[in-house]
Amino acid sequence: RDSRRFVIPAVPYLQALGLARDALVQALGLAFTASTVALAASLALHGDFNLGAAGASAYALLPALAGMLAGQWLRGRIAQLVFKRCFFIGLFALGLHAALQPWLA
């Protein structure tokens, strides 16, 4: 039930397809939405779905949507090369975090 198990293979795969930045962001958004729905369904099937936690998660959408709008604004104003560098830096940080997780916990 750990979403990182989906993110780690999906992000490099989608990036390797060579999509333009807007198509890449859209594909990532669709992939993450699908994995979130699958996670919610899995939690519900196992009886672990908590409506209170779902409500708290809904409040977390507000800053996420603000970040999405800011990212969309910024993505339209930076060069493709800068976007790609920032994407790879973020991907590296995600991989580093996953690799160091056993020692951080």
PDB file of N, CA and C in Angstrom:
ATOM      1  N   ARG A   1       0.820  -1.198   0.000  1.00  0.00           N
ATOM      2  CA  ARG A   1       0.000   0.000   0.000  1.00  0.00           C
ATOM      3  C   ARG A   1       0.857   1.253   0.000  1.00  0.00           C
ATOM      4  N   ASP A   2       2.049   1.126  -0.471  1.00  0.00           N
ATOM      5  CA  ASP A   2       2.973   2.250  -0.519  1.00  0.00           C
ATOM      6  C   ASP A   2       2.994   2.808  -1.929  1.00  0.00           C
ATOM      7  N   SER A   3       2.615   4.073  -2.102  1.00  0.00           N
ATOM      8  CA  SER A   3       2.518   4.657  -3.432  1.00  0.00           C
ATOM      9  C   SER A   3       3.878   4.779  -4.114  1.00  0.00           C
ATOM     10  N   ARG A   4       4.966   4.759  -3.345  1.00  0.00           N
ATOM     11  CA  ARG A   4       6.290   4.856  -3.969  1.00  0.00           C
ATOM     12  C   ARG A   4       6.572   3.655  -4.862  1.00  0.00           C
ATOM     13  N   ARG A   5       5.949   2.544  -4.593  1.00  0.00           N
ATOM     14  CA  ARG A   5       6.158   1.358  -5.422  1.00  0.00           C
ATOM     15  C   ARG A   5       5.658   1.583  -6.835  1.00  0.00           C
ATOM     16  N   PHE A   6       4.708   2.492  -7.002  1.00  0.00           N
ATOM     17  CA  PHE A   6       4.223   2.827  -8.331  1.00  0.00           C
ATOM     18  C   PHE A   6       5.022   3.966  -8.943  1.00  0.00           C
ATOM     19  N   VAL A   7       5.346   4.952  -8.136  1.00  0.00           N
ATOM     20  CA  VAL A   7       6.002   6.158  -8.636  1.00  0.00           C
ATOM     21  C   VAL A   7       7.377   5.861  -9.210  1.00  0.00           C
ATOM     22  N   ILE A   8       8.174   5.071  -8.517  1.00  0.00           N
ATOM     23  CA  ILE A   8       9.548   4.836  -8.950  1.00  0.00           C
ATOM     24  C   ILE A   8       9.609   4.250 -10.361  1.00  0.00           C
ATOM     25  N   PRO A   9       8.837   3.213 -10.722  1.00  0.00           N
ATOM     26  CA  PRO A   9       8.943   2.745 -12.110  1.00  0.00           C
ATOM     27  C   PRO A   9       8.187   3.613 -13.117  1.00  0.00           C
ATOM     28  N   ALA A  10       7.113   4.269 -12.702  1.00  0.00           N
ATOM     29  CA  ALA A  10       6.282   5.015 -13.648  1.00  0.00           C
ATOM     30  C   ALA A  10       6.963   6.288 -14.140  1.00  0.00           C
ATOM     31  N   VAL A  11       7.563   7.035 -13.252  1.00  0.00           N
ATOM     32  CA  VAL A  11       8.147   8.322 -13.629  1.00  0.00           C
ATOM     33  C   VAL A  11       9.291   8.153 -14.625  1.00  0.00           C
ATOM     34  N   PRO A  12      10.292   7.305 -14.364  1.00  0.00           N
ATOM     35  CA  PRO A  12      11.349   7.149 -15.372  1.00  0.00           C
ATOM     36  C   PRO A  12      10.830   6.590 -16.699  1.00  0.00           C
ATOM     37  N   TYR A  13       9.846   5.687 -16.632  1.00  0.00           N
ATOM     38  CA  TYR A  13       9.292   5.126 -17.857  1.00  0.00           C
ATOM     39  C   TYR A  13       8.641   6.221 -18.700  1.00  0.00           C
ATOM     40  N   LEU A  14       7.784   7.021 -18.077  1.00  0.00           N
ATOM     41  CA  LEU A  14       7.108   8.073 -18.828  1.00  0.00           C
ATOM     42  C   LEU A  14       8.097   9.097 -19.367  1.00  0.00           C
ATOM     43  N   GLN A  15       9.142   9.387 -18.610  1.00  0.00           N
ATOM     44  CA  GLN A  15      10.145  10.326 -19.090  1.00  0.00           C
ATOM     45  C   GLN A  15      10.906   9.738 -20.269  1.00  0.00           C
ATOM     46  N   ALA A  16      11.170   8.438 -20.241  1.00  0.00           N
ATOM     47  CA  ALA A  16      11.923   7.784 -21.310  1.00  0.00           C
ATOM     48  C   ALA A  16      11.151   7.751 -22.629  1.00  0.00           C
ATOM     49  N   LEU A  17       9.854   7.964 -22.584  1.00  0.00           N
ATOM     50  CA  LEU A  17       9.069   7.987 -23.813  1.00  0.00           C
ATOM     51  C   LEU A  17       9.390   9.204 -24.671  1.00  0.00           C
ATOM     52  N   GLY A  18      10.058  10.204 -24.091  1.00  0.00           N
ATOM     53  CA  GLY A  18      10.446  11.390 -24.845  1.00  0.00           C
ATOM     54  C   GLY A  18       9.299  12.342 -25.113  1.00  0.00           C
ATOM     55  N   LEU A  19       8.334  12.366 -24.222  1.00  0.00           N
ATOM     56  CA  LEU A  19       7.194  13.263 -24.386  1.00  0.00           C
ATOM     57  C   LEU A  19       7.623  14.716 -24.180  1.00  0.00           C
ATOM     58  N   ALA A  20       6.933  15.627 -24.843  1.00  0.00           N
ATOM     59  CA  ALA A  20       7.143  17.053 -24.588  1.00  0.00           C
ATOM     60  C   ALA A  20       6.710  17.343 -23.159  1.00  0.00           C
ATOM     61  N   ARG A  21       7.187  18.440 -22.600  1.00  0.00           N
ATOM     62  CA  ARG A  21       6.959  18.692 -21.168  1.00  0.00           C
ATOM     63  C   ARG A  21       5.489  18.730 -20.790  1.00  0.00           C
ATOM     64  N   ASP A  22       4.634  19.348 -21.601  1.00  0.00           N
ATOM     65  CA  ASP A  22       3.214  19.399 -21.246  1.00  0.00           C
ATOM     66  C   ASP A  22       2.579  18.015 -21.314  1.00  0.00           C
ATOM     67  N   ALA A  23       2.942  17.230 -22.324  1.00  0.00           N
ATOM     68  CA  ALA A  23       2.425  15.865 -22.432  1.00  0.00           C
ATOM     69  C   ALA A  23       2.953  15.002 -21.294  1.00  0.00           C
ATOM     70  N   LEU A  24       4.211  15.203 -20.897  1.00  0.00           N
ATOM     71  CA  LEU A  24       4.788  14.450 -19.782  1.00  0.00           C
ATOM     72  C   LEU A  24       4.047  14.752 -18.483  1.00  0.00           C
ATOM     73  N   VAL A  25       3.808  16.012 -18.217  1.00  0.00           N
ATOM     74  CA  VAL A  25       3.098  16.398 -16.994  1.00  0.00           C
ATOM     75  C   VAL A  25       1.676  15.843 -17.008  1.00  0.00           C
ATOM     76  N   GLN A  26       1.029  15.870 -18.161  1.00  0.00           N
ATOM     77  CA  GLN A  26      -0.322  15.318 -18.256  1.00  0.00           C
ATOM     78  C   GLN A  26      -0.304  13.803 -18.025  1.00  0.00           C
ATOM     79  N   ALA A  27       0.650  13.109 -18.624  1.00  0.00           N
ATOM     80  CA  ALA A  27       0.748  11.659 -18.436  1.00  0.00           C
ATOM     81  C   ALA A  27       1.038  11.313 -16.979  1.00  0.00           C
ATOM     82  N   LEU A  28       1.912  12.082 -16.331  1.00  0.00           N
ATOM     83  CA  LEU A  28       2.201  11.845 -14.916  1.00  0.00           C
ATOM     84  C   LEU A  28       0.956  12.077 -14.067  1.00  0.00           C
ATOM     85  N   GLY A  29       0.224  13.131 -14.366  1.00  0.00           N
ATOM     86  CA  GLY A  29      -1.008  13.412 -13.630  1.00  0.00           C
ATOM     87  C   GLY A  29      -2.023  12.286 -13.763  1.00  0.00           C
ATOM     88  N   LEU A  30      -2.183  11.764 -14.972  1.00  0.00           N
ATOM     89  CA  LEU A  30      -3.109  10.651 -15.186  1.00  0.00           C
ATOM     90  C   LEU A  30      -2.632   9.396 -14.466  1.00  0.00           C
ATOM     91  N   ALA A  31      -1.339   9.135 -14.521  1.00  0.00           N
ATOM     92  CA  ALA A  31      -0.798   7.946 -13.841  1.00  0.00           C
ATOM     93  C   ALA A  31      -0.982   8.046 -12.334  1.00  0.00           C
ATOM     94  N   PHE A  32      -0.710   9.222 -11.774  1.00  0.00           N
ATOM     95  CA  PHE A  32      -0.854   9.380 -10.326  1.00  0.00           C
ATOM     96  C   PHE A  32      -2.317   9.336  -9.900  1.00  0.00           C
ATOM     97  N   THR A  33      -3.204   9.859 -10.733  1.00  0.00           N
ATOM     98  CA  THR A  33      -4.631   9.790 -10.425  1.00  0.00           C
ATOM     99  C   THR A  33      -5.095   8.338 -10.429  1.00  0.00           C
ATOM    100  N   ALA A  34      -4.675   7.591 -11.438  1.00  0.00           N
ATOM    101  CA  ALA A  34      -5.057   6.172 -11.512  1.00  0.00           C
ATOM    102  C   ALA A  34      -4.519   5.391 -10.317  1.00  0.00           C
ATOM    103  N   SER A  35      -3.275   5.662  -9.925  1.00  0.00           N
ATOM    104  CA  SER A  35      -2.712   4.929  -8.784  1.00  0.00           C
ATOM    105  C   SER A  35      -3.393   5.323  -7.476  1.00  0.00           C
ATOM    106  N   THR A  36      -3.812   6.568  -7.356  1.00  0.00           N
ATOM    107  CA  THR A  36      -4.518   7.007  -6.150  1.00  0.00           C
ATOM    108  C   THR A  36      -5.890   6.348  -6.054  1.00  0.00           C
ATOM    109  N   VAL A  37      -6.594   6.271  -7.164  1.00  0.00           N
ATOM    110  CA  VAL A  37      -7.897   5.609  -7.181  1.00  0.00           C
ATOM    111  C   VAL A  37      -7.727   4.120  -6.859  1.00  0.00           C
ATOM    112  N   ALA A  38      -6.691   3.504  -7.426  1.00  0.00           N
ATOM    113  CA  ALA A  38      -6.434   2.090  -7.141  1.00  0.00           C
ATOM    114  C   ALA A  38      -6.097   1.879  -5.669  1.00  0.00           C
ATOM    115  N   LEU A  39      -5.329   2.786  -5.084  1.00  0.00           N
ATOM    116  CA  LEU A  39      -4.994   2.688  -3.666  1.00  0.00           C
ATOM    117  C   LEU A  39      -6.250   2.823  -2.802  1.00  0.00           C
ATOM    118  N   ALA A  40      -7.118   3.775  -3.134  1.00  0.00           N
ATOM    119  CA  ALA A  40      -8.362   3.943  -2.378  1.00  0.00           C
ATOM    120  C   ALA A  40      -9.235   2.703  -2.498  1.00  0.00           C
ATOM    121  N   ALA A  41      -9.313   2.123  -3.692  1.00  0.00           N
ATOM    122  CA  ALA A  41     -10.104   0.904  -3.879  1.00  0.00           C
ATOM    123  C   ALA A  41      -9.518  -0.250  -3.074  1.00  0.00           C
ATOM    124  N   SER A  42      -8.201  -0.364  -3.070  1.00  0.00           N
ATOM    125  CA  SER A  42      -7.550  -1.424  -2.297  1.00  0.00           C
ATOM    126  C   SER A  42      -7.813  -1.253  -0.801  1.00  0.00           C
ATOM    127  N   LEU A  43      -7.715  -0.027  -0.318  1.00  0.00           N
ATOM    128  CA  LEU A  43      -8.001   0.233   1.093  1.00  0.00           C
ATOM    129  C   LEU A  43      -9.449  -0.120   1.425  1.00  0.00           C
ATOM    130  N   ALA A  44     -10.374   0.241   0.537  1.00  0.00           N
ATOM    131  CA  ALA A  44     -11.789  -0.060   0.774  1.00  0.00           C
ATOM    132  C   ALA A  44     -12.039  -1.565   0.773  1.00  0.00           C
ATOM    133  N   LEU A  45     -11.401  -2.288  -0.146  1.00  0.00           N
ATOM    134  CA  LEU A  45     -11.587  -3.741  -0.214  1.00  0.00           C
ATOM    135  C   LEU A  45     -11.047  -4.454   1.019  1.00  0.00           C
ATOM    136  N   HIS A  46     -10.013  -3.896   1.620  1.00  0.00           N
ATOM    137  CA  HIS A  46      -9.426  -4.503   2.814  1.00  0.00           C
ATOM    138  C   HIS A  46     -10.020  -3.952   4.110  1.00  0.00           C
ATOM    139  N   GLY A  47     -10.994  -3.060   3.982  1.00  0.00           N
ATOM    140  CA  GLY A  47     -11.650  -2.510   5.157  1.00  0.00           C
ATOM    141  C   GLY A  47     -10.827  -1.478   5.905  1.00  0.00           C
ATOM    142  N   ASP A  48      -9.815  -0.924   5.245  1.00  0.00           N
ATOM    143  CA  ASP A  48      -8.943   0.053   5.889  1.00  0.00           C
ATOM    144  C   ASP A  48      -9.240   1.486   5.482  1.00  0.00           C
ATOM    145  N   PHE A  49     -10.271   1.689   4.669  1.00  0.00           N
ATOM    146  CA  PHE A  49     -10.602   3.034   4.204  1.00  0.00           C
ATOM    147  C   PHE A  49     -11.245   3.799   5.347  1.00  0.00           C
ATOM    148  N   ASN A  50     -10.693   4.938   5.685  1.00  0.00           N
ATOM    149  CA  ASN A  50     -11.173   5.751   6.794  1.00  0.00           C
ATOM    150  C   ASN A  50     -11.733   7.046   6.223  1.00  0.00           C
ATOM    151  N   LEU A  51     -13.025   7.270   6.408  1.00  0.00           N
ATOM    152  CA  LEU A  51     -13.672   8.446   5.846  1.00  0.00           C
ATOM    153  C   LEU A  51     -13.104   9.737   6.442  1.00  0.00           C
ATOM    154  N   GLY A  52     -12.718   9.714   7.714  1.00  0.00           N
ATOM    155  CA  GLY A  52     -12.124  10.901   8.338  1.00  0.00           C
ATOM    156  C   GLY A  52     -10.791  11.262   7.700  1.00  0.00           C
ATOM    157  N   ALA A  53      -9.985  10.247   7.427  1.00  0.00           N
ATOM    158  CA  ALA A  53      -8.702  10.496   6.764  1.00  0.00           C
ATOM    159  C   ALA A  53      -8.916  10.982   5.335  1.00  0.00           C
ATOM    160  N   ALA A  54      -9.947  10.472   4.682  1.00  0.00           N
ATOM    161  CA  ALA A  54     -10.255  10.918   3.323  1.00  0.00           C
ATOM    162  C   ALA A  54     -10.650  12.392   3.332  1.00  0.00           C
ATOM    163  N   GLY A  55     -11.390  12.795   4.341  1.00  0.00           N
ATOM    164  CA  GLY A  55     -11.762  14.208   4.453  1.00  0.00           C
ATOM    165  C   GLY A  55     -10.557  15.089   4.681  1.00  0.00           C
ATOM    166  N   ALA A  56      -9.645  14.639   5.539  1.00  0.00           N
ATOM    167  CA  ALA A  56      -8.417  15.410   5.770  1.00  0.00           C
ATOM    168  C   ALA A  56      -7.584  15.477   4.499  1.00  0.00           C
ATOM    169  N   SER A  57      -7.576  14.412   3.730  1.00  0.00           N
ATOM    170  CA  SER A  57      -6.848  14.407   2.466  1.00  0.00           C
ATOM    171  C   SER A  57      -7.456  15.396   1.481  1.00  0.00           C
ATOM    172  N   ALA A  58      -8.766  15.557   1.546  1.00  0.00           N
ATOM    173  CA  ALA A  58      -9.423  16.511   0.649  1.00  0.00           C
ATOM    174  C   ALA A  58      -8.941  17.933   0.930  1.00  0.00           C
ATOM    175  N   TYR A  59      -8.694  18.253   2.207  1.00  0.00           N
ATOM    176  CA  TYR A  59      -8.151  19.576   2.533  1.00  0.00           C
ATOM    177  C   TYR A  59      -6.731  19.742   2.001  1.00  0.00           C
ATOM    178  N   ALA A  60      -6.001  18.643   1.910  1.00  0.00           N
ATOM    179  CA  ALA A  60      -4.639  18.696   1.388  1.00  0.00           C
ATOM    180  C   ALA A  60      -4.627  18.984  -0.108  1.00  0.00           C
ATOM    181  N   LEU A  61      -5.766  18.842  -0.760  1.00  0.00           N
ATOM    182  CA  LEU A  61      -5.841  19.158  -2.178  1.00  0.00           C
ATOM    183  C   LEU A  61      -5.684  20.649  -2.445  1.00  0.00           C
ATOM    184  N   LEU A  62      -6.061  21.474  -1.494  1.00  0.00           N
ATOM    185  CA  LEU A  62      -5.975  22.924  -1.716  1.00  0.00           C
ATOM    186  C   LEU A  62      -4.538  23.380  -1.986  1.00  0.00           C
ATOM    187  N   PRO A  63      -3.569  23.074  -1.115  1.00  0.00           N
ATOM    188  CA  PRO A  63      -2.200  23.479  -1.449  1.00  0.00           C
ATOM    189  C   PRO A  63      -1.651  22.724  -2.661  1.00  0.00           C
ATOM    190  N   ALA A  64      -2.117  21.503  -2.876  1.00  0.00           N
ATOM    191  CA  ALA A  64      -1.670  20.744  -4.053  1.00  0.00           C
ATOM    192  C   ALA A  64      -2.143  21.431  -5.334  1.00  0.00           C
ATOM    193  N   LEU A  65      -3.377  21.896  -5.340  1.00  0.00           N
ATOM    194  CA  LEU A  65      -3.895  22.615  -6.510  1.00  0.00           C
ATOM    195  C   LEU A  65      -3.178  23.944  -6.706  1.00  0.00           C
ATOM    196  N   ALA A  66      -2.859  24.622  -5.610  1.00  0.00           N
ATOM    197  CA  ALA A  66      -2.097  25.870  -5.719  1.00  0.00           C
ATOM    198  C   ALA A  66      -0.716  25.597  -6.308  1.00  0.00           C
ATOM    199  N   GLY A  67      -0.085  24.533  -5.867  1.00  0.00           N
ATOM    200  CA  GLY A  67       1.214  24.160  -6.415  1.00  0.00           C
ATOM    201  C   GLY A  67       1.131  23.774  -7.878  1.00  0.00           C
ATOM    202  N   MET A  68       0.043  23.105  -8.244  1.00  0.00           N
ATOM    203  CA  MET A  68      -0.154  22.728  -9.640  1.00  0.00           C
ATOM    204  C   MET A  68      -0.300  23.971 -10.522  1.00  0.00           C
ATOM    205  N   LEU A  69      -1.058  24.939 -10.057  1.00  0.00           N
ATOM    206  CA  LEU A  69      -1.221  26.172 -10.828  1.00  0.00           C
ATOM    207  C   LEU A  69       0.098  26.938 -10.938  1.00  0.00           C
ATOM    208  N   ALA A  70       0.835  26.991  -9.829  1.00  0.00           N
ATOM    209  CA  ALA A  70       2.140  27.665  -9.868  1.00  0.00           C
ATOM    210  C   ALA A  70       3.098  26.941 -10.808  1.00  0.00           C
ATOM    211  N   GLY A  71       3.075  25.612 -10.780  1.00  0.00           N
ATOM    212  CA  GLY A  71       3.928  24.832 -11.667  1.00  0.00           C
ATOM    213  C   GLY A  71       3.556  25.020 -13.125  1.00  0.00           C
ATOM    214  N   GLN A  72       2.267  25.083 -13.394  1.00  0.00           N
ATOM    215  CA  GLN A  72       1.811  25.305 -14.763  1.00  0.00           C
ATOM    216  C   GLN A  72       2.263  26.684 -15.257  1.00  0.00           C
ATOM    217  N   TRP A  73       2.149  27.682 -14.414  1.00  0.00           N
ATOM    218  CA  TRP A  73       2.594  29.028 -14.773  1.00  0.00           C
ATOM    219  C   TRP A  73       4.098  29.033 -15.040  1.00  0.00           C
ATOM    220  N   LEU A  74       4.863  28.398 -14.145  1.00  0.00           N
ATOM    221  CA  LEU A  74       6.321  28.369 -14.283  1.00  0.00           C
ATOM    222  C   LEU A  74       6.753  27.544 -15.487  1.00  0.00           C
ATOM    223  N   ARG A  75       6.082  26.424 -15.720  1.00  0.00           N
ATOM    224  CA  ARG A  75       6.442  25.550 -16.839  1.00  0.00           C
ATOM    225  C   ARG A  75       6.309  26.284 -18.169  1.00  0.00           C
ATOM    226  N   GLY A  76       5.358  27.191 -18.276  1.00  0.00           N
ATOM    227  CA  GLY A  76       5.166  27.963 -19.500  1.00  0.00           C
ATOM    228  C   GLY A  76       6.202  29.056 -19.690  1.00  0.00           C
ATOM    229  N   ARG A  77       7.002  29.328 -18.665  1.00  0.00           N
ATOM    230  CA  ARG A  77       7.955  30.436 -18.732  1.00  0.00           C
ATOM    231  C   ARG A  77       9.420  30.006 -18.709  1.00  0.00           C
ATOM    232  N   ILE A  78       9.679  28.718 -18.589  1.00  0.00           N
ATOM    233  CA  ILE A  78      11.066  28.276 -18.574  1.00  0.00           C
ATOM    234  C   ILE A  78      11.366  27.473 -19.842  1.00  0.00           C
ATOM    235  N   ALA A  79      12.621  27.422 -20.177  1.00  0.00           N
ATOM    236  CA  ALA A  79      13.048  26.696 -21.376  1.00  0.00           C
ATOM    237  C   ALA A  79      12.908  25.189 -21.165  1.00  0.00           C
ATOM    238  N   GLN A  80      12.787  24.472 -22.270  1.00  0.00           N
ATOM    239  CA  GLN A  80      12.662  23.003 -22.228  1.00  0.00           C
ATOM    240  C   GLN A  80      13.853  22.384 -21.503  1.00  0.00           C
ATOM    241  N   LEU A  81      15.059  22.890 -21.750  1.00  0.00           N
ATOM    242  CA  LEU A  81      16.264  22.339 -21.117  1.00  0.00           C
ATOM    243  C   LEU A  81      16.236  22.537 -19.601  1.00  0.00           C
ATOM    244  N   VAL A  82      15.800  23.699 -19.160  1.00  0.00           N
ATOM    245  CA  VAL A  82      15.704  23.976 -17.722  1.00  0.00           C
ATOM    246  C   VAL A  82      14.661  23.056 -17.087  1.00  0.00           C
ATOM    247  N   PHE A  83      13.539  22.870 -17.777  1.00  0.00           N
ATOM    248  CA  PHE A  83      12.500  21.963 -17.274  1.00  0.00           C
ATOM    249  C   PHE A  83      13.066  20.561 -17.116  1.00  0.00           C
ATOM    250  N   LYS A  84      13.778  20.096 -18.148  1.00  0.00           N
ATOM    251  CA  LYS A  84      14.325  18.738 -18.116  1.00  0.00           C
ATOM    252  C   LYS A  84      15.329  18.584 -16.981  1.00  0.00           C
ATOM    253  N   ARG A  85      16.177  19.585 -16.764  1.00  0.00           N
ATOM    254  CA  ARG A  85      17.148  19.526 -15.661  1.00  0.00           C
ATOM    255  C   ARG A  85      16.432  19.473 -14.314  1.00  0.00           C
ATOM    256  N   CYS A  86      15.449  20.326 -14.136  1.00  0.00           N
ATOM    257  CA  CYS A  86      14.697  20.333 -12.876  1.00  0.00           C
ATOM    258  C   CYS A  86      13.978  19.000 -12.677  1.00  0.00           C
ATOM    259  N   PHE A  87      13.448  18.442 -13.756  1.00  0.00           N
ATOM    260  CA  PHE A  87      12.765  17.150 -13.672  1.00  0.00           C
ATOM    261  C   PHE A  87      13.739  16.068 -13.220  1.00  0.00           C
ATOM    262  N   PHE A  88      14.933  16.043 -13.809  1.00  0.00           N
ATOM    263  CA  PHE A  88      15.911  15.017 -13.437  1.00  0.00           C
ATOM    264  C   PHE A  88      16.438  15.226 -12.017  1.00  0.00           C
ATOM    265  N   ILE A  89      16.579  16.457 -11.594  1.00  0.00           N
ATOM    266  CA  ILE A  89      16.995  16.719 -10.213  1.00  0.00           C
ATOM    267  C   ILE A  89      15.926  16.192  -9.251  1.00  0.00           C
ATOM    268  N   GLY A  90      14.664  16.453  -9.560  1.00  0.00           N
ATOM    269  CA  GLY A  90      13.576  15.936  -8.733  1.00  0.00           C
ATOM    270  C   GLY A  90      13.521  14.425  -8.743  1.00  0.00           C
ATOM    271  N   LEU A  91      13.751  13.828  -9.895  1.00  0.00           N
ATOM    272  CA  LEU A  91      13.768  12.370  -9.999  1.00  0.00           C
ATOM    273  C   LEU A  91      14.916  11.779  -9.195  1.00  0.00           C
ATOM    274  N   PHE A  92      16.070  12.425  -9.249  1.00  0.00           N
ATOM    275  CA  PHE A  92      17.221  11.981  -8.454  1.00  0.00           C
ATOM    276  C   PHE A  92      16.912  12.077  -6.962  1.00  0.00           C
ATOM    277  N   ALA A  93      16.296  13.200  -6.554  1.00  0.00           N
ATOM    278  CA  ALA A  93      15.957  13.383  -5.136  1.00  0.00           C
ATOM    279  C   ALA A  93      14.953  12.324  -4.676  1.00  0.00           C
ATOM    280  N   LEU A  94      13.991  11.990  -5.536  1.00  0.00           N
ATOM    281  CA  LEU A  94      13.021  10.950  -5.201  1.00  0.00           C
ATOM    282  C   LEU A  94      13.707   9.595  -5.037  1.00  0.00           C
ATOM    283  N   GLY A  95      14.597   9.271  -5.951  1.00  0.00           N
ATOM    284  CA  GLY A  95      15.335   8.016  -5.854  1.00  0.00           C
ATOM    285  C   GLY A  95      16.241   7.969  -4.640  1.00  0.00           C
ATOM    286  N   LEU A  96      16.911   9.084  -4.343  1.00  0.00           N
ATOM    287  CA  LEU A  96      17.782   9.162  -3.173  1.00  0.00           C
ATOM    288  C   LEU A  96      16.973   8.977  -1.889  1.00  0.00           C
ATOM    289  N   HIS A  97      15.836   9.616  -1.825  1.00  0.00           N
ATOM    290  CA  HIS A  97      14.964   9.474  -0.653  1.00  0.00           C
ATOM    291  C   HIS A  97      14.539   8.020  -0.472  1.00  0.00           C
ATOM    292  N   ALA A  98      14.143   7.370  -1.584  1.00  0.00           N
ATOM    293  CA  ALA A  98      13.728   5.967  -1.512  1.00  0.00           C
ATOM    294  C   ALA A  98      14.888   5.080  -1.080  1.00  0.00           C
ATOM    295  N   ALA A  99      16.092   5.382  -1.570  1.00  0.00           N
ATOM    296  CA  ALA A  99      17.256   4.571  -1.220  1.00  0.00           C
ATOM    297  C   ALA A  99      17.647   4.761   0.244  1.00  0.00           C
ATOM    298  N   LEU A 100      17.493   5.971   0.767  1.00  0.00           N
ATOM    299  CA  LEU A 100      17.899   6.259   2.141  1.00  0.00           C
ATOM    300  C   LEU A 100      16.794   5.982   3.160  1.00  0.00           C
ATOM    301  N   GLN A 101      15.604   5.678   2.701  1.00  0.00           N
ATOM    302  CA  GLN A 101      14.471   5.479   3.600  1.00  0.00           C
ATOM    303  C   GLN A 101      14.731   4.474   4.710  1.00  0.00           C
ATOM    304  N   PRO A 102      15.386   3.338   4.452  1.00  0.00           N
ATOM    305  CA  PRO A 102      15.636   2.396   5.567  1.00  0.00           C
ATOM    306  C   PRO A 102      16.480   3.005   6.695  1.00  0.00           C
ATOM    307  N   TRP A 103      17.364   3.921   6.370  1.00  0.00           N
ATOM    308  CA  TRP A 103      18.202   4.527   7.395  1.00  0.00           C
ATOM    309  C   TRP A 103      17.564   5.757   8.024  1.00  0.00           C
ATOM    310  N   LEU A 104      16.562   6.340   7.354  1.00  0.00           N
ATOM    311  CA  LEU A 104      15.900   7.529   7.886  1.00  0.00           C
ATOM    312  C   LEU A 104      14.774   7.178   8.853  1.00  0.00           C
ATOM    313  N   ALA A 105      14.224   5.991   8.722  1.00  0.00           N
ATOM    314  CA  ALA A 105      13.072   5.603   9.537  1.00  0.00           C
ATOM    315  C   ALA A 105      13.467   5.231  10.954  1.00  0.00           C
TER     316      ALA A 105
END
